[in-house]
Amino acid sequence: MRFFGLTIDLKDDAEVIERYKAYHRAVWPEVLEDGRNKGILRVRIFLLRRRLFMYLETTDDYDLNQALVPRSDDDLRRKQWDELMRSMQMPVPEAKPGEWWAAMELVHETDNPA
């Protein structure tokens, strides 16, 4: 299993933030299925003001660069979702050139098995 921490900002608009949250209370089934098909096992998205933090757990063969953005016209519904989400987001100032969701560095990990 692999895991990733990513961050992005929402646009500084209370209505946009509420709309983003509403969409994520009812993610389109095609988007969830696409994630499963690409190897996403678990997603957690956290919000602080307008800063998002996304935690992903994936299969070992998951390719973050290939999976987050739809690549073909066969994936029209996923592409529509991506465009809709991007209309509400903006990269964080710390993002590398061309990076949308900025990858975060893991600085600590603790496992506490039962």
Protein backbone atom coordinates (compact mmCIF):
# COMPACT_ATOMS: atom_id res chain seq x y z
CA MET A 1 0.00 0.00 0.00
CA ARG A 2 1.14 3.56 -0.75
CA PHE A 3 -0.10 6.79 0.75
CA PHE A 4 0.02 10.46 -0.19
CA GLY A 5 -0.65 13.83 1.44
CA LEU A 6 -1.67 16.61 -0.94
CA THR A 7 -2.83 20.18 -0.49
CA ILE A 8 -4.63 22.85 -2.50
CA ASP A 9 -6.64 25.98 -1.74
CA LEU A 10 -10.24 26.71 -2.53
CA LYS A 11 -11.07 30.10 -3.97
CA ASP A 12 -11.59 32.72 -1.27
CA ASP A 13 -15.37 32.78 -1.53
CA ALA A 14 -17.75 31.40 1.12
CA GLU A 15 -20.28 30.27 -1.51
CA VAL A 16 -17.58 28.38 -3.45
CA ILE A 17 -16.41 26.66 -0.28
CA GLU A 18 -19.95 25.58 0.62
CA ARG A 19 -20.56 24.35 -2.92
CA TYR A 20 -17.33 22.32 -2.83
CA LYS A 21 -18.40 20.72 0.45
CA ALA A 22 -21.87 19.96 -0.94
CA TYR A 23 -20.42 18.20 -3.99
CA HIS A 24 -18.24 16.07 -1.73
CA ARG A 25 -21.23 14.98 0.34
CA ALA A 26 -22.53 13.36 -2.86
CA VAL A 27 -19.56 12.47 -5.06
CA TRP A 28 -20.65 11.24 -8.47
CA PRO A 29 -20.63 7.41 -8.59
CA GLU A 30 -18.52 7.43 -11.77
CA VAL A 31 -15.80 9.38 -9.95
CA LEU A 32 -15.76 6.90 -7.07
CA GLU A 33 -15.63 3.97 -9.50
CA ASP A 34 -12.81 5.60 -11.47
CA GLY A 35 -10.80 6.00 -8.27
CA ARG A 36 -11.30 2.35 -7.34
CA ASN A 37 -10.32 1.26 -10.85
CA LYS A 38 -7.12 3.31 -10.67
CA GLY A 39 -6.13 1.89 -7.27
CA ILE A 40 -7.44 4.39 -4.72
CA LEU A 41 -8.35 2.50 -1.56
CA ARG A 42 -9.18 5.38 0.78
CA VAL A 43 -9.57 9.15 0.47
CA ARG A 44 -9.86 11.66 3.28
CA ILE A 45 -10.18 15.39 2.55
CA PHE A 46 -9.87 17.91 5.38
CA LEU A 47 -10.62 21.63 5.25
CA LEU A 48 -9.23 24.54 7.28
CA ARG A 49 -10.73 27.85 6.16
CA ARG A 50 -9.98 27.44 2.44
CA ARG A 51 -6.96 25.11 2.61
CA LEU A 52 -7.66 21.48 1.68
CA PHE A 53 -5.55 18.52 2.76
CA MET A 54 -6.16 15.22 0.97
CA TYR A 55 -4.90 11.90 2.32
CA LEU A 56 -4.85 8.99 -0.13
CA GLU A 57 -4.19 5.31 0.47
CA THR A 58 -3.58 3.41 -2.75
CA THR A 59 -2.41 0.15 -4.24
CA ASP A 60 1.32 -0.30 -4.75
CA ASP A 61 1.04 0.27 -8.51
CA TYR A 62 -0.91 3.55 -8.21
CA ASP A 63 0.63 6.38 -10.26
CA LEU A 64 -0.32 9.72 -8.72
CA ASN A 65 0.67 11.70 -11.81
CA GLN A 66 -1.46 9.58 -14.13
CA ALA A 67 -4.47 9.00 -11.92
CA LEU A 68 -5.58 12.39 -10.62
CA VAL A 69 -6.45 13.86 -14.01
CA PRO A 70 -8.64 12.11 -16.59
CA ARG A 71 -6.61 11.39 -19.73
CA SER A 72 -9.11 10.24 -22.35
CA ASP A 73 -12.46 11.16 -23.82
CA ASP A 74 -13.70 7.75 -22.64
CA ASP A 75 -13.62 9.22 -19.14
CA LEU A 76 -16.02 12.10 -19.86
CA ARG A 77 -17.86 12.08 -16.52
CA ARG A 78 -14.57 12.06 -14.56
CA LYS A 79 -13.30 14.89 -16.78
CA GLN A 80 -16.47 16.92 -16.03
CA TRP A 81 -15.93 16.37 -12.28
CA ASP A 82 -12.29 17.43 -12.55
CA GLU A 83 -13.18 20.61 -14.44
CA LEU A 84 -15.90 21.44 -11.92
CA MET A 85 -13.56 20.93 -8.94
CA ARG A 86 -10.76 22.93 -10.60
CA SER A 87 -13.18 25.83 -11.09
CA MET A 88 -13.32 26.10 -7.29
CA GLN A 89 -9.63 25.44 -6.54
CA MET A 90 -6.29 27.18 -6.90
CA PRO A 91 -2.80 25.84 -6.28
CA VAL A 92 -1.15 26.77 -2.99
CA PRO A 93 1.68 29.32 -3.20
CA GLU A 94 4.15 26.55 -2.31
CA ALA A 95 3.17 24.39 -5.32
CA LYS A 96 5.82 23.63 -7.91
CA PRO A 97 5.31 25.07 -11.40
CA GLY A 98 2.55 23.10 -13.13
CA GLU A 99 1.55 21.31 -9.91
CA TRP A 100 -2.18 21.48 -9.07
CA TRP A 101 -2.51 19.47 -5.84
CA ALA A 102 0.86 20.01 -4.15
CA ALA A 103 2.52 16.89 -2.78
CA MET A 104 3.43 17.13 0.90
CA GLU A 105 6.44 15.64 2.64
CA LEU A 106 5.85 12.92 5.23
CA VAL A 107 7.59 14.03 8.42
CA HIS A 108 6.20 11.53 10.92
CA GLU A 109 4.42 8.20 10.98
CA THR A 110 3.25 6.08 13.88
CA ASP A 111 1.49 2.74 13.66
CA ASN A 112 -0.30 1.56 16.78
CA PRO A 113 -1.59 -1.95 16.09
CA ALA A 114 -4.29 -3.22 18.40
